[in-house]
N, C-alpha and C. Protein backbone atom coordinates (compact mmCIF):
# COMPACT_ATOMS: atom_id res chain seq x y z
N UNK A 1 206.68 48.88 178.92
CA UNK A 1 206.40 49.76 178.18
C UNK A 1 205.28 49.26 177.02
N UNK A 2 204.23 49.82 176.56
CA UNK A 2 203.74 48.89 175.35
C UNK A 2 204.35 50.04 173.72
N UNK A 3 204.55 49.09 173.00
CA UNK A 3 205.22 49.49 171.95
C UNK A 3 204.02 49.56 170.41
N UNK A 4 203.76 50.94 170.02
CA UNK A 4 203.21 50.78 168.51
C UNK A 4 203.60 50.07 167.16
N UNK A 5 203.06 49.21 166.78
CA UNK A 5 203.93 48.37 165.63
C UNK A 5 202.81 48.34 164.12
N UNK A 6 203.32 48.15 163.34
CA UNK A 6 202.22 48.10 162.15
C UNK A 6 202.71 46.67 161.77
N UNK A 7 201.29 45.86 161.59
CA UNK A 7 201.50 44.95 160.76
C UNK A 7 201.09 44.44 159.28
N UNK A 8 201.19 43.36 158.59
CA UNK A 8 200.83 43.21 157.81
C UNK A 8 199.22 42.33 157.65
N UNK A 9 198.03 43.45 157.07
CA UNK A 9 196.95 42.53 157.20
C UNK A 9 196.41 41.52 156.22
N UNK A 10 197.45 41.38 154.76
CA UNK A 10 197.12 40.46 154.14
C UNK A 10 197.78 39.09 154.78
N UNK A 11 198.76 39.03 155.35
CA UNK A 11 198.34 37.73 156.77
C UNK A 11 197.55 37.74 157.87
N UNK A 12 197.70 36.06 157.99
CA UNK A 12 196.45 35.83 158.76
C UNK A 12 197.62 35.93 160.70
N UNK A 13 196.36 36.35 161.66
CA UNK A 13 197.45 36.78 162.92
C UNK A 13 196.61 35.75 163.85
N UNK A 14 197.61 35.15 164.51
CA UNK A 14 197.05 34.28 165.53
C UNK A 14 197.97 34.93 166.78
N UNK A 15 197.77 34.25 168.26
CA UNK A 15 198.31 34.30 169.49
C UNK A 15 198.49 32.81 170.14
N UNK A 16 199.51 33.09 171.24
CA UNK A 16 199.88 31.98 171.69
C UNK A 16 200.72 32.48 173.55
N UNK A 17 200.32 31.67 174.51
CA UNK A 17 201.15 32.54 175.60
C UNK A 17 201.52 31.07 175.74
N UNK A 18 202.79 31.30 176.79
CA UNK A 18 202.86 30.25 178.19
C UNK A 18 202.89 28.97 177.87
N UNK A 19 203.80 28.35 176.82
CA UNK A 19 204.34 26.92 176.32
C UNK A 19 204.48 25.96 177.31
N UNK A 20 205.35 27.03 178.25
CA UNK A 20 206.11 26.13 178.94
C UNK A 20 206.61 24.43 178.65
N UNK A 21 207.45 24.62 177.75
CA UNK A 21 208.12 23.71 176.88
C UNK A 21 209.17 22.90 178.46
N UNK A 22 208.85 21.58 178.39
CA UNK A 22 210.41 21.32 179.48
C UNK A 22 209.35 21.26 181.16
N UNK A 23 208.52 21.76 181.37
CA UNK A 23 207.52 22.21 182.37
C UNK A 23 207.39 20.79 183.72
N UNK A 24 207.70 20.35 184.21
CA UNK A 24 207.52 19.10 184.61
C UNK A 24 206.19 19.30 185.72
N UNK A 25 206.22 20.20 186.52
CA UNK A 25 205.16 20.01 187.32
C UNK A 25 203.91 20.12 186.76
N UNK A 26 203.70 20.88 185.28
CA UNK A 26 202.46 20.73 184.61
C UNK A 26 201.87 20.27 183.88
N UNK A 27 202.52 18.72 184.43
CA UNK A 27 201.91 17.04 184.01
C UNK A 27 201.58 15.94 184.35
N UNK A 28 200.87 15.12 184.55
CA UNK A 28 200.19 14.04 185.58
C UNK A 28 200.86 13.21 185.86
N UNK A 29 202.19 13.08 185.62
CA UNK A 29 203.23 11.65 185.87
C UNK A 29 204.57 12.64 186.73
N UNK A 30 204.54 13.65 187.09
CA UNK A 30 205.30 14.03 187.89
C UNK A 30 204.34 14.40 189.26
N UNK A 31 205.48 13.47 190.13
CA UNK A 31 205.08 13.29 191.81
C UNK A 31 204.91 14.40 192.54
N UNK A 32 204.98 15.65 191.93
CA UNK A 32 204.62 17.03 192.52
C UNK A 32 204.27 17.78 191.41
N UNK A 33 203.44 17.61 191.15
CA UNK A 33 202.77 18.23 190.05
C UNK A 33 201.53 19.23 190.50
N UNK A 34 201.26 19.92 189.93
CA UNK A 34 200.55 21.55 190.10
C UNK A 34 199.72 20.10 190.49
N UNK A 35 198.42 21.28 191.55
CA UNK A 35 197.44 21.34 192.09
C UNK A 35 196.37 21.03 190.35
N UNK A 36 196.62 21.93 189.39
CA UNK A 36 196.17 22.38 188.66
C UNK A 36 196.57 21.63 187.66
N UNK A 37 196.94 20.99 186.72
CA UNK A 37 197.99 20.41 185.62
C UNK A 37 197.19 20.04 184.21
N UNK A 38 197.94 20.15 183.61
CA UNK A 38 197.66 19.82 182.33
C UNK A 38 197.34 18.75 181.81
N UNK A 39 196.26 18.49 180.45
CA UNK A 39 196.27 17.17 180.05
C UNK A 39 196.98 16.70 179.36
N UNK A 40 198.10 16.09 179.97
CA UNK A 40 199.62 15.41 179.51
C UNK A 40 200.14 14.57 181.03
N UNK A 41 200.66 13.16 179.97
CA UNK A 41 201.03 12.26 181.07
C UNK A 41 202.50 12.30 181.09
N UNK A 42 203.34 13.18 180.49
CA UNK A 42 204.49 12.98 180.45
C UNK A 42 204.92 14.62 179.69
N UNK A 43 206.42 15.49 180.21
CA UNK A 43 206.39 16.20 179.80
C UNK A 43 206.99 16.19 178.10
N UNK A 44 207.96 14.88 177.55
CA UNK A 44 208.09 14.72 176.01
C UNK A 44 206.25 14.71 175.10
N UNK A 45 205.40 14.25 175.71
CA UNK A 45 203.64 14.25 175.32
C UNK A 45 203.59 15.99 175.54
N UNK A 46 203.92 16.12 176.54
CA UNK A 46 203.20 17.93 175.87
C UNK A 46 204.38 18.58 174.93
N UNK A 47 205.66 18.44 175.13
CA UNK A 47 206.39 19.01 173.73
C UNK A 47 205.92 18.64 172.74
N UNK A 48 205.44 17.61 172.22
CA UNK A 48 204.90 16.74 170.94
C UNK A 48 203.74 17.57 170.37
N UNK A 49 203.30 17.91 171.48
CA UNK A 49 201.89 18.38 171.86
C UNK A 49 201.75 19.71 171.52
N UNK A 50 202.39 20.82 171.28
CA UNK A 50 202.80 21.72 171.34
C UNK A 50 203.15 22.08 170.03
N UNK A 51 204.72 21.41 170.09
CA UNK A 51 204.69 21.67 168.79
C UNK A 51 203.43 21.43 167.38
N UNK A 52 203.20 20.00 167.59
CA UNK A 52 202.45 19.56 166.45
C UNK A 52 200.97 20.34 166.21
N UNK A 53 200.43 21.18 167.20
CA UNK A 53 199.16 21.87 167.52
C UNK A 53 199.52 23.20 166.54
N UNK A 54 200.76 23.60 167.68
CA UNK A 54 201.02 25.07 166.82
C UNK A 54 201.20 24.82 165.41
N UNK A 55 201.99 24.30 164.76
CA UNK A 55 202.14 23.80 163.07
C UNK A 55 201.16 23.14 161.98
N UNK A 56 200.29 22.93 163.12
CA UNK A 56 198.73 22.21 162.23
C UNK A 56 197.71 24.17 162.29
N UNK A 57 198.47 24.48 162.82
CA UNK A 57 197.29 25.96 163.13
C UNK A 57 197.95 26.96 162.06
N UNK A 58 199.09 27.03 162.48
CA UNK A 58 200.28 28.14 161.87
C UNK A 58 201.37 27.91 160.76
N UNK A 59 200.89 28.69 159.60
CA UNK A 59 201.54 28.44 158.08
C UNK A 59 202.85 29.18 158.17
N UNK A 60 203.54 29.15 157.17
CA UNK A 60 204.78 29.44 157.59
C UNK A 60 204.48 31.23 157.57
N UNK A 61 203.70 31.56 156.81
CA UNK A 61 203.55 33.40 156.32
C UNK A 61 202.28 33.81 157.30
N UNK A 62 202.15 32.96 158.75
CA UNK A 62 201.08 33.81 159.33
C UNK A 62 202.14 34.42 160.30
N UNK A 63 201.10 35.52 161.21
CA UNK A 63 202.11 36.18 162.26
C UNK A 63 201.94 35.70 163.02
N UNK A 64 202.54 35.24 164.44
CA UNK A 64 202.07 34.94 165.78
C UNK A 64 202.45 35.57 167.00
N UNK A 65 201.87 36.13 167.27
CA UNK A 65 202.29 37.16 168.90
C UNK A 65 202.32 35.85 169.61
N UNK A 66 203.86 35.57 170.04
CA UNK A 66 203.87 35.01 171.33
C UNK A 66 204.35 36.16 172.71
N UNK A 67 203.23 35.50 173.60
CA UNK A 67 203.16 36.16 174.62
C UNK A 67 204.41 35.85 175.84
N UNK A 68 204.63 34.64 175.53
CA UNK A 68 206.21 34.65 176.46
C UNK A 68 206.00 33.15 177.12
N UNK A 69 207.09 33.06 178.06
CA UNK A 69 207.11 32.08 179.05
C UNK A 69 207.45 30.75 177.90
N UNK A 70 208.38 30.90 177.22
CA UNK A 70 208.88 29.28 176.51
C UNK A 70 209.04 28.52 177.10
N UNK A 71 209.22 28.47 178.30
CA UNK A 71 209.61 26.82 179.10
C UNK A 71 210.48 26.93 180.68
N UNK A 72 210.62 25.94 181.50
CA UNK A 72 211.00 26.12 182.44
C UNK A 72 212.27 24.60 182.59
N UNK A 73 213.13 24.20 183.26
CA UNK A 73 213.59 23.21 184.05
C UNK A 73 214.43 22.58 182.91
N UNK A 74 215.07 23.93 181.75
CA UNK A 74 215.77 23.48 180.90
C UNK A 74 217.23 24.33 181.43
N UNK A 75 218.43 23.21 181.46
CA UNK A 75 219.65 23.54 181.82
C UNK A 75 220.10 24.85 181.33
N UNK A 76 220.93 25.82 181.83
CA UNK A 76 221.42 26.79 181.50
C UNK A 76 222.02 26.86 180.73
N UNK A 77 222.68 25.66 180.52
CA UNK A 77 224.09 25.81 178.84
C UNK A 77 223.31 25.34 178.04
N UNK A 78 222.23 24.45 177.78
CA UNK A 78 220.85 24.35 176.78
C UNK A 78 220.06 25.48 176.39
N UNK A 79 219.82 26.32 177.64
CA UNK A 79 218.65 26.89 177.27
C UNK A 79 218.35 27.79 175.24
N UNK A 80 219.79 28.14 175.36
CA UNK A 80 219.86 28.94 173.86
C UNK A 80 219.31 28.27 172.10
N UNK A 81 220.03 27.23 173.06
CA UNK A 81 220.05 25.87 171.77
C UNK A 81 218.79 25.36 171.73
N UNK A 82 218.55 25.14 173.56
CA UNK A 82 216.95 24.49 173.23
C UNK A 82 215.83 25.79 172.13
N UNK A 83 215.73 26.94 173.03
CA UNK A 83 215.08 27.65 172.14
C UNK A 83 214.83 28.30 170.99
N UNK A 84 216.60 28.21 170.42
CA UNK A 84 216.64 28.24 168.79
C UNK A 84 216.14 27.16 168.02
N UNK A 85 216.36 26.02 168.36
CA UNK A 85 216.17 24.50 167.51
C UNK A 85 214.79 24.74 167.79
N UNK A 86 213.83 24.69 168.93
CA UNK A 86 212.31 24.94 169.26
C UNK A 86 211.74 25.49 167.80
N UNK A 87 212.28 27.05 168.56
CA UNK A 87 211.71 28.16 167.80
C UNK A 87 211.51 28.11 165.84
N UNK A 88 213.07 27.47 165.83
CA UNK A 88 213.01 27.34 164.58
C UNK A 88 212.27 25.98 163.85
N UNK A 89 211.42 25.33 164.71
CA UNK A 89 210.87 24.45 164.43
C UNK A 89 209.46 24.94 164.35
N UNK A 90 208.96 25.72 164.85
CA UNK A 90 207.72 25.84 164.99
C UNK A 90 207.57 26.93 163.93
N UNK A 91 206.24 27.14 163.29
CA UNK A 91 205.57 27.86 161.92
C UNK A 91 205.12 29.25 162.11
N UNK A 92 205.35 30.32 161.37
CA UNK A 92 205.24 31.93 161.47
C UNK A 92 206.31 32.76 161.28
N UNK A 93 206.06 34.05 161.60
CA UNK A 93 206.26 34.97 161.50
C UNK A 93 206.10 35.72 163.09
N UNK A 94 207.15 35.42 163.37
CA UNK A 94 207.09 35.29 165.08
C UNK A 94 207.22 36.83 165.94
N UNK A 95 206.25 37.52 166.87
CA UNK A 95 206.44 38.58 167.45
C UNK A 95 206.76 38.55 168.60
N UNK A 96 207.95 38.77 169.86
CA UNK A 96 208.36 37.66 170.78
C UNK A 96 207.67 39.12 171.80
N UNK A 97 206.74 38.76 172.72
CA UNK A 97 206.67 39.46 174.21
C UNK A 97 207.09 38.59 175.26
N UNK A 98 207.66 39.34 176.12
CA UNK A 98 208.55 38.81 177.23
C UNK A 98 208.00 38.55 178.45
N UNK A 99 207.89 37.40 178.58
CA UNK A 99 206.99 36.92 179.76
C UNK A 99 208.64 36.82 181.11
N UNK A 100 207.85 36.56 182.64
CA UNK A 100 208.40 36.18 183.76
C UNK A 100 209.50 35.05 183.84
N UNK A 101 209.42 34.08 182.49
CA UNK A 101 210.40 32.92 182.70
C UNK A 101 211.34 33.12 181.75
N UNK A 102 211.42 34.65 180.94
CA UNK A 102 212.31 34.45 179.61
C UNK A 102 213.74 35.31 179.82
N UNK A 103 213.67 35.61 181.08
CA UNK A 103 214.90 36.77 180.81
C UNK A 103 216.27 36.36 180.63
N UNK A 104 216.21 34.75 180.65
CA UNK A 104 218.07 34.39 179.78
C UNK A 104 217.82 34.21 178.47
N UNK A 105 216.44 33.93 178.58
CA UNK A 105 216.28 33.39 176.93
C UNK A 105 216.80 35.27 176.19
N UNK A 106 215.67 36.34 176.60
CA UNK A 106 216.06 37.30 176.32
C UNK A 106 217.74 38.09 176.18
N UNK A 107 217.94 37.67 177.35
CA UNK A 107 219.03 38.14 177.41
C UNK A 107 220.54 37.30 176.33
N UNK A 108 220.29 36.38 175.76
CA UNK A 108 220.68 35.22 175.03
C UNK A 108 220.64 35.61 173.67
N UNK A 109 219.49 36.18 173.68
CA UNK A 109 218.44 36.92 172.04
C UNK A 109 218.69 37.79 171.94
N UNK A 110 218.88 38.97 171.93
CA UNK A 110 218.44 40.53 172.36
C UNK A 110 218.02 40.73 170.71
N UNK A 111 218.91 39.96 169.95
CA UNK A 111 218.39 39.82 168.29
C UNK A 111 216.99 39.99 167.81
N UNK A 112 216.37 39.34 168.70
CA UNK A 112 214.68 38.79 168.25
C UNK A 112 213.66 40.28 168.90
N UNK A 113 214.42 41.15 169.60
CA UNK A 113 214.13 42.40 169.43
C UNK A 113 212.43 41.58 170.67
N UNK A 114 213.00 41.60 171.81
CA UNK A 114 211.63 41.20 172.42
C UNK A 114 210.82 42.88 173.30
N UNK A 115 209.63 41.87 173.00
CA UNK A 115 208.50 43.55 173.87
C UNK A 115 207.91 43.63 174.69
N UNK A 116 208.11 44.42 175.92
CA UNK A 116 207.67 44.20 177.18
C UNK A 116 205.61 44.09 176.68
N UNK A 117 204.97 45.04 175.75
CA UNK A 117 203.78 44.83 175.36
C UNK A 117 203.68 45.31 173.79
N UNK A 118 203.13 44.98 173.12
CA UNK A 118 202.79 46.13 171.75
C UNK A 118 200.85 46.34 171.93
N UNK A 119 200.96 47.28 170.84
CA UNK A 119 199.52 47.55 170.19
C UNK A 119 199.56 47.38 168.79
N UNK A 120 198.75 47.52 168.42
CA UNK A 120 198.88 47.47 166.15
C UNK A 120 197.20 47.55 166.34
N UNK A 121 196.79 47.48 165.18
CA UNK A 121 195.86 47.80 164.34
C UNK A 121 195.88 46.92 163.15
N UNK A 122 194.76 45.76 163.27
CA UNK A 122 194.22 44.65 162.57
C UNK A 122 193.06 44.59 161.96
N UNK A 123 192.77 44.51 160.63
CA UNK A 123 191.75 44.59 160.59
C UNK A 123 190.32 45.30 161.23
N UNK A 124 190.60 46.47 161.37
CA UNK A 124 189.66 47.57 162.23
C UNK A 124 189.18 46.71 163.38
N UNK A 125 190.99 46.64 164.42
CA UNK A 125 190.12 45.96 165.54
C UNK A 125 192.11 47.01 165.84
N UNK A 126 191.85 47.23 167.41
CA UNK A 126 193.05 47.57 167.66
C UNK A 126 193.34 45.98 169.14
N UNK A 127 194.67 46.00 168.97
CA UNK A 127 195.33 45.00 169.72
C UNK A 127 195.90 45.55 170.93
N UNK A 128 195.79 45.22 172.29
CA UNK A 128 196.75 45.82 173.20
C UNK A 128 196.90 44.52 173.71
N UNK A 129 198.45 44.22 173.60
CA UNK A 129 198.74 42.59 174.32
C UNK A 129 199.95 42.62 174.86
N UNK A 130 200.27 42.19 175.70
CA UNK A 130 201.13 42.23 177.55
C UNK A 130 201.35 40.85 177.85
N UNK A 131 202.43 40.45 178.99
CA UNK A 131 202.49 38.87 179.29
C UNK A 131 201.39 38.95 180.56
N UNK A 132 201.71 39.70 180.90
CA UNK A 132 200.47 39.69 182.16
C UNK A 132 198.99 40.11 182.09
N UNK A 133 198.34 39.08 182.98
CA UNK A 133 196.64 39.24 183.09
C UNK A 133 196.56 41.23 183.21
N UNK A 134 195.76 41.52 183.08
CA UNK A 134 195.66 43.58 183.12
C UNK A 134 195.47 44.24 183.85
N UNK A 135 194.80 43.13 184.95
CA UNK A 135 194.52 42.74 186.18
C UNK A 135 195.57 43.39 187.17
N UNK A 136 196.76 42.58 186.51
CA UNK A 136 197.68 42.41 187.80
C UNK A 136 199.26 43.29 186.95
N UNK A 137 198.95 43.29 186.04
CA UNK A 137 199.87 44.92 185.56
C UNK A 137 199.46 45.24 184.66
N UNK A 138 198.48 46.17 184.99
CA UNK A 138 197.80 47.53 184.67
C UNK A 138 198.43 47.79 183.33
N UNK A 139 197.92 48.93 182.29
CA UNK A 139 198.15 50.02 181.53
C UNK A 139 198.00 51.16 182.05
N UNK A 140 198.75 52.33 182.48
CA UNK A 140 198.57 52.88 183.60
C UNK A 140 197.52 54.01 182.71
N UNK A 141 197.65 54.22 181.04
CA UNK A 141 196.99 55.06 180.13
C UNK A 141 196.73 54.11 179.51
N UNK A 142 195.93 53.71 178.76
CA UNK A 142 195.79 52.57 177.74
C UNK A 142 195.49 53.56 176.85
N UNK A 143 195.82 53.63 175.28
CA UNK A 143 196.10 53.61 174.65
C UNK A 143 194.40 53.13 173.65
N UNK A 144 192.94 53.51 173.87
CA UNK A 144 192.19 53.17 173.44
C UNK A 144 191.65 54.26 171.98
N UNK A 145 191.29 52.81 171.09
CA UNK A 145 190.79 54.16 169.98
C UNK A 145 189.45 53.87 169.82
N UNK A 146 188.70 54.64 169.80
CA UNK A 146 187.71 55.32 170.00
C UNK A 146 186.63 54.89 168.46
N UNK A 147 187.36 54.55 167.47
CA UNK A 147 186.48 54.13 166.64
C UNK A 147 186.07 52.88 166.05
N UNK A 148 187.62 51.80 166.90
CA UNK A 148 187.65 50.63 166.72
C UNK A 148 187.31 49.95 167.84
N UNK A 149 186.97 48.31 167.87
CA UNK A 149 187.01 47.32 168.58
C UNK A 149 188.37 47.49 169.21
N UNK A 150 188.36 47.56 170.77
CA UNK A 150 189.85 47.72 171.57
C UNK A 150 189.68 45.55 172.15
N UNK A 151 190.83 45.08 171.73
CA UNK A 151 191.01 43.81 172.23
C UNK A 151 192.54 44.19 173.11
N UNK A 152 192.08 43.39 174.24
CA UNK A 152 193.07 42.96 175.22
C UNK A 152 193.11 41.38 175.36
N UNK A 153 194.99 41.18 175.14
CA UNK A 153 194.81 39.81 174.92
C UNK A 153 196.25 39.72 176.28
N UNK A 154 196.96 38.59 177.22
CA UNK A 154 197.52 38.29 177.77
C UNK A 154 197.69 36.74 178.00
N UNK A 155 198.75 36.74 178.69
CA UNK A 155 198.90 35.29 179.08
C UNK A 155 199.00 35.27 180.77
N UNK A 156 199.67 34.74 180.94
CA UNK A 156 201.03 34.48 182.07
C UNK A 156 199.56 33.79 183.44
N UNK A 157 198.20 33.61 182.95
CA UNK A 157 197.69 32.76 184.41
C UNK A 157 197.67 31.48 184.23
N UNK A 158 198.08 30.86 183.70
CA UNK A 158 197.45 29.16 183.32
C UNK A 158 196.25 29.06 183.58
N UNK A 159 195.38 30.13 183.73
CA UNK A 159 193.52 29.76 183.57
C UNK A 159 193.55 29.13 182.62
N UNK A 160 192.05 27.94 182.63
CA UNK A 160 191.36 27.63 181.13
C UNK A 160 190.31 28.54 181.35
N UNK A 161 190.37 29.79 181.81
CA UNK A 161 189.52 31.18 181.15
C UNK A 161 189.86 31.90 179.94
N UNK A 162 189.19 31.84 179.36
CA UNK A 162 189.61 32.34 177.91
C UNK A 162 189.14 34.18 178.18
N UNK A 163 188.49 34.41 178.84
CA UNK A 163 188.21 36.21 179.28
C UNK A 163 187.84 36.27 180.33
N UNK A 164 188.06 37.44 181.15
CA UNK A 164 187.96 37.78 182.15
C UNK A 164 187.74 39.60 182.28
N UNK A 165 187.55 40.18 183.18
CA UNK A 165 186.79 41.86 183.04
C UNK A 165 188.11 42.42 183.62
N UNK A 166 188.78 43.23 183.22
CA UNK A 166 189.85 44.25 183.95
C UNK A 166 189.05 45.40 184.40
N UNK A 167 189.31 46.03 185.27
CA UNK A 167 189.08 47.07 185.49
C UNK A 167 189.67 48.24 186.16
N UNK A 168 189.67 49.39 184.78
CA UNK A 168 190.83 50.32 184.76
C UNK A 168 190.06 51.38 185.61
N UNK A 169 190.84 51.34 186.95
CA UNK A 169 190.97 52.82 187.49
C UNK A 169 189.28 53.06 188.34
N UNK A 170 188.72 52.07 188.15
CA UNK A 170 186.86 52.23 188.16
C UNK A 170 186.42 53.30 187.63
N UNK A 171 186.57 53.53 186.17
CA UNK A 171 186.46 54.44 185.59
C UNK A 171 185.54 53.52 184.42
N UNK A 172 186.47 52.63 183.96
CA UNK A 172 185.33 51.53 183.02
C UNK A 172 185.98 50.10 182.91
N UNK A 173 185.11 49.18 182.01
CA UNK A 173 185.50 48.17 181.72
C UNK A 173 186.24 47.18 180.67
N UNK A 174 187.01 46.59 180.79
CA UNK A 174 186.82 45.36 179.35
C UNK A 174 186.74 44.39 179.42
N UNK A 175 187.00 43.64 179.00
CA UNK A 175 186.97 41.98 178.76
C UNK A 175 188.12 42.22 178.43
N UNK A 176 189.04 40.81 178.67
CA UNK A 176 190.20 40.74 178.55
C UNK A 176 190.79 39.26 177.89
N UNK A 177 191.40 38.60 176.93
CA UNK A 177 191.49 37.83 176.75
C UNK A 177 193.05 36.57 176.66
N UNK A 178 192.50 35.74 177.49
CA UNK A 178 194.07 34.96 177.81
C UNK A 178 194.38 34.03 176.66
N UNK A 179 195.41 34.42 176.15
CA UNK A 179 195.43 33.14 175.23
C UNK A 179 196.68 31.79 175.99
N UNK A 180 196.95 31.53 177.05
CA UNK A 180 197.57 30.97 177.60
C UNK A 180 197.61 29.17 176.95
N UNK A 181 198.29 28.64 177.24
CA UNK A 181 198.34 26.98 176.24
C UNK A 181 196.79 26.80 177.31
N UNK A 182 196.91 26.55 178.39
CA UNK A 182 196.23 25.93 179.38
C UNK A 182 194.91 26.03 179.05
N UNK A 183 194.56 27.27 178.42
CA UNK A 183 192.75 27.70 178.08
C UNK A 183 192.60 26.88 176.57
N UNK A 184 193.47 26.90 175.95
CA UNK A 184 193.35 26.65 174.52
C UNK A 184 194.00 25.17 174.19
N UNK A 185 195.00 24.58 174.56
CA UNK A 185 195.82 23.88 174.22
C UNK A 185 196.58 23.90 172.45
N UNK A 186 196.52 25.38 172.35
CA UNK A 186 196.51 25.30 170.76
C UNK A 186 196.62 26.91 170.65
N UNK A 187 197.18 27.34 169.25
CA UNK A 187 197.53 29.07 169.53
C UNK A 187 196.05 29.31 169.17
N UNK A 188 195.93 30.62 168.98
CA UNK A 188 194.62 31.33 169.20
C UNK A 188 194.45 32.20 167.72
N UNK A 189 193.40 32.56 166.98
CA UNK A 189 193.14 33.18 165.73
C UNK A 189 192.50 34.48 166.18
N UNK A 190 192.65 35.72 165.53
CA UNK A 190 191.94 36.67 165.66
C UNK A 190 190.83 36.83 166.09
N UNK A 191 190.27 35.88 164.64
CA UNK A 191 189.11 35.72 164.91
C UNK A 191 187.64 35.66 166.32
N UNK A 192 188.74 34.19 166.68
CA UNK A 192 188.67 33.83 167.99
C UNK A 192 188.21 34.72 169.57
N UNK A 193 189.27 35.90 168.82
CA UNK A 193 189.28 36.72 170.54
C UNK A 193 187.57 37.30 170.92
N UNK A 194 187.39 37.40 172.36
CA UNK A 194 186.25 37.70 171.88
C UNK A 194 185.48 38.94 172.26
N UNK A 195 184.65 39.75 171.24
CA UNK A 195 184.86 41.22 171.21
C UNK A 195 184.44 41.86 172.76
N UNK A 196 184.76 43.25 172.69
CA UNK A 196 184.63 43.83 173.79
C UNK A 196 183.26 44.34 174.14
N UNK A 197 182.12 44.06 173.15
CA UNK A 197 180.60 44.11 173.31
C UNK A 197 180.42 46.00 173.75
């Protein structure tokens, strides 16, 4: 379910998804790495770069919409502390959207108010955000605001493609914006998201 929220338009807005901290199969040195891996040799290099890039772009007062999938390969007894310590070291006022790999973190940190998806207006754009690609998990009746530019934002795909087309029941099409780490290697500012034209 997509929840409507209000945002302070005086603060700068950013998006990021799927950092996948500690996920060994995403780096080159892993003997069983994925066919499509990231430009890092080790997990330590990846983790350090994600933190560095996040804090380079995001100031403490910026809004950052985190679209899920914090990490993998973290021992169950360490995941809560790892999540809290890492997120406390990352700048920004965070809004959390659940990813498919966040179930244990969500269970252990319910006070963070994890969303399935969010919609909000910001600087005359209407944003609709969820973890999954809208083709994979579509919103059955998306609330599109006629007098605003509507922007679909997702994570999950680990694609290097920053945009794709979503087709809602063959009645209309929109561009959707992927903010996965694999596409940008950094957080994405709202100004960079591609308009629907």
